[in-house]
Amino acid sequence: GMGVLGVIERAMILAGLKSVDEARQQIFVLDVNGLVTRARPSLPDHVIPFAHPDASLEGLSLLETVEKVKPDVLIGLSAAGKIFTKEVLEAVGRGCEQPMI
């Protein structure tokens, strides 16, 4: 998953973002415990660069994250199924006219 995020980060910069930090501000990583932020203890080294800096968002569910950040793109990189529920997909659609899922 983190390797894919590195590729996406580089593509975002090639598409016009000014810096790695600017790209990472627009990437939101979730795991079984919700949104990953730098406030989470014991983050693996390979996750730290993609942990969101806003500690107040720690642990938000996927639905809460989608409703808060209104993403244009939603990518599932785990083997967990049934995470993109109808409610999540509808929330993505409310935040973006033509989302990529």
C-alpha atoms as a PDB file:
ATOM      1  CA  GLY A   1       0.000   0.000   0.000  1.00  0.00           C
ATOM      2  CA  MET A   2       2.628   2.580   0.961  1.00  0.00           C
ATOM      3  CA  GLY A   3       4.563   1.905  -2.255  1.00  0.00           C
ATOM      4  CA  VAL A   4       1.461   2.737  -4.273  1.00  0.00           C
ATOM      5  CA  LEU A   5       1.080   5.935  -2.255  1.00  0.00           C
ATOM      6  CA  GLY A   6       4.649   6.889  -3.139  1.00  0.00           C
ATOM      7  CA  VAL A   7       3.825   6.549  -6.830  1.00  0.00           C
ATOM      8  CA  ILE A   8       0.627   8.586  -6.387  1.00  0.00           C
ATOM      9  CA  GLU A   9       2.557  11.246  -4.480  1.00  0.00           C
ATOM     10  CA  ARG A  10       5.068  11.591  -7.327  1.00  0.00           C
ATOM     11  CA  ALA A  11       2.267  11.743  -9.902  1.00  0.00           C
ATOM     12  CA  MET A  12       0.556  14.516  -7.922  1.00  0.00           C
ATOM     13  CA  ILE A  13       3.769  16.543  -8.004  1.00  0.00           C
ATOM     14  CA  LEU A  14       4.192  15.948 -11.738  1.00  0.00           C
ATOM     15  CA  ALA A  15       0.582  17.100 -12.166  1.00  0.00           C
ATOM     16  CA  GLY A  16       1.412  20.452 -10.593  1.00  0.00           C
ATOM     17  CA  LEU A  17       1.615  20.290  -6.811  1.00  0.00           C
ATOM     18  CA  LYS A  18       4.576  22.225  -5.495  1.00  0.00           C
ATOM     19  CA  SER A  19       5.976  19.784  -2.934  1.00  0.00           C
ATOM     20  CA  VAL A  20       5.901  16.377  -1.314  1.00  0.00           C
ATOM     21  CA  ASP A  21       4.322  17.977   1.761  1.00  0.00           C
ATOM     22  CA  GLU A  22       1.523  19.454  -0.349  1.00  0.00           C
ATOM     23  CA  ALA A  23       0.852  16.030  -1.876  1.00  0.00           C
ATOM     24  CA  ARG A  24       0.878  14.275   1.498  1.00  0.00           C
ATOM     25  CA  GLN A  25      -1.638  16.766   2.896  1.00  0.00           C
ATOM     26  CA  GLN A  26      -4.088  15.385   0.331  1.00  0.00           C
ATOM     27  CA  ILE A  27      -3.486  11.692   1.078  1.00  0.00           C
ATOM     28  CA  PHE A  28      -5.520  10.080   3.857  1.00  0.00           C
ATOM     29  CA  VAL A  29      -4.561   6.572   5.007  1.00  0.00           C
ATOM     30  CA  LEU A  30      -6.983   4.424   6.965  1.00  0.00           C
ATOM     31  CA  ASP A  31      -6.507   1.054   8.593  1.00  0.00           C
ATOM     32  CA  VAL A  32      -8.591  -1.162  10.840  1.00  0.00           C
ATOM     33  CA  ASN A  33      -8.431   1.565  13.531  1.00  0.00           C
ATOM     34  CA  GLY A  34      -9.546   4.385  11.223  1.00  0.00           C
ATOM     35  CA  LEU A  35      -7.698   7.391   9.866  1.00  0.00           C
ATOM     36  CA  VAL A  36      -3.971   7.259  10.597  1.00  0.00           C
ATOM     37  CA  THR A  37      -2.400  10.440  11.970  1.00  0.00           C
ATOM     38  CA  ARG A  38       0.987  11.246  13.440  1.00  0.00           C
ATOM     39  CA  ALA A  39      -0.669  11.166  16.863  1.00  0.00           C
ATOM     40  CA  ARG A  40      -0.981   7.387  16.687  1.00  0.00           C
ATOM     41  CA  PRO A  41       1.626   5.645  18.829  1.00  0.00           C
ATOM     42  CA  SER A  42       4.048   3.094  17.396  1.00  0.00           C
ATOM     43  CA  LEU A  43       3.578   3.830  13.705  1.00  0.00           C
ATOM     44  CA  PRO A  44       5.785   1.718  11.449  1.00  0.00           C
ATOM     45  CA  ASP A  45       8.531   3.749   9.756  1.00  0.00           C
ATOM     46  CA  HIS A  46       7.057   3.206   6.277  1.00  0.00           C
ATOM     47  CA  VAL A  47       3.688   4.640   7.375  1.00  0.00           C
ATOM     48  CA  ILE A  48       4.968   7.781   9.122  1.00  0.00           C
ATOM     49  CA  PRO A  49       5.442   9.833   5.908  1.00  0.00           C
ATOM     50  CA  PHE A  50       1.773   9.265   5.011  1.00  0.00           C
ATOM     51  CA  ALA A  51       0.281   9.712   8.487  1.00  0.00           C
ATOM     52  CA  HIS A  52      -1.822  12.857   8.466  1.00  0.00           C
ATOM     53  CA  PRO A  53      -0.461  15.678  10.642  1.00  0.00           C
ATOM     54  CA  ASP A  54      -3.861  16.704  12.067  1.00  0.00           C
ATOM     55  CA  ALA A  55      -4.169  14.706  15.300  1.00  0.00           C
ATOM     56  CA  SER A  56      -7.803  15.748  15.719  1.00  0.00           C
ATOM     57  CA  LEU A  57      -8.685  13.423  12.817  1.00  0.00           C
ATOM     58  CA  GLU A  58      -7.138  10.313  14.412  1.00  0.00           C
ATOM     59  CA  GLY A  59      -9.321   7.233  14.135  1.00  0.00           C
ATOM     60  CA  LEU A  60     -12.097   8.702  11.979  1.00  0.00           C
ATOM     61  CA  SER A  61     -14.031   5.983  10.163  1.00  0.00           C
ATOM     62  CA  LEU A  62     -13.952   5.796   6.381  1.00  0.00           C
ATOM     63  CA  LEU A  63     -17.403   7.385   6.193  1.00  0.00           C
ATOM     64  CA  GLU A  64     -16.411  10.184   8.581  1.00  0.00           C
ATOM     65  CA  THR A  65     -13.203  10.796   6.631  1.00  0.00           C
ATOM     66  CA  VAL A  66     -15.044  10.922   3.296  1.00  0.00           C
ATOM     67  CA  GLU A  67     -17.624  13.332   4.699  1.00  0.00           C
ATOM     68  CA  LYS A  68     -14.912  15.579   6.155  1.00  0.00           C
ATOM     69  CA  VAL A  69     -12.356  15.686   3.312  1.00  0.00           C
ATOM     70  CA  LYS A  70     -14.606  15.117   0.260  1.00  0.00           C
ATOM     71  CA  PRO A  71     -12.081  13.101  -1.763  1.00  0.00           C
ATOM     72  CA  ASP A  72     -11.951  12.989  -5.561  1.00  0.00           C
ATOM     73  CA  VAL A  73     -10.330   9.546  -5.493  1.00  0.00           C
ATOM     74  CA  LEU A  74     -10.947   6.540  -3.252  1.00  0.00           C
ATOM     75  CA  ILE A  75      -8.509   3.629  -3.479  1.00  0.00           C
ATOM     76  CA  GLY A  76      -8.759   0.351  -1.595  1.00  0.00           C
ATOM     77  CA  LEU A  77      -5.368  -1.286  -1.112  1.00  0.00           C
ATOM     78  CA  SER A  78      -6.159  -3.994   1.411  1.00  0.00           C
ATOM     79  CA  ALA A  79      -7.696  -7.409   1.148  1.00  0.00           C
ATOM     80  CA  ALA A  80     -10.564  -6.335   3.407  1.00  0.00           C
ATOM     81  CA  GLY A  81     -13.890  -6.525   1.648  1.00  0.00           C
ATOM     82  CA  LYS A  82     -17.161  -4.638   1.937  1.00  0.00           C
ATOM     83  CA  ILE A  83     -15.518  -1.437   3.173  1.00  0.00           C
ATOM     84  CA  PHE A  84     -16.850   0.742   0.349  1.00  0.00           C
ATOM     85  CA  THR A  85     -20.438   0.557   1.536  1.00  0.00           C
ATOM     86  CA  LYS A  86     -23.384   2.226  -0.162  1.00  0.00           C
ATOM     87  CA  GLU A  87     -23.187   5.018   2.443  1.00  0.00           C
ATOM     88  CA  VAL A  88     -19.495   5.606   1.747  1.00  0.00           C
ATOM     89  CA  LEU A  89     -20.004   5.655  -2.028  1.00  0.00           C
ATOM     90  CA  GLU A  90     -22.951   8.034  -1.721  1.00  0.00           C
ATOM     91  CA  ALA A  91     -20.874  10.334   0.505  1.00  0.00           C
ATOM     92  CA  VAL A  92     -18.066  10.339  -2.072  1.00  0.00           C
ATOM     93  CA  GLY A  93     -20.630  11.227  -4.759  1.00  0.00           C
ATOM     94  CA  ARG A  94     -21.965  14.131  -2.689  1.00  0.00           C
ATOM     95  CA  GLY A  95     -18.457  15.561  -2.357  1.00  0.00           C
ATOM     96  CA  CYS A  96     -17.307  15.116  -5.943  1.00  0.00           C
ATOM     97  CA  GLU A  97     -19.276  15.112  -9.191  1.00  0.00           C
ATOM     98  CA  GLN A  98     -17.113  12.482 -10.911  1.00  0.00           C
ATOM     99  CA  PRO A  99     -15.080  10.592  -8.299  1.00  0.00           C
ATOM    100  CA  MET A 100     -12.598   7.876  -9.202  1.00  0.00           C
ATOM    101  CA  ILE A 101     -13.164   4.747  -7.125  1.00  0.00           C
END
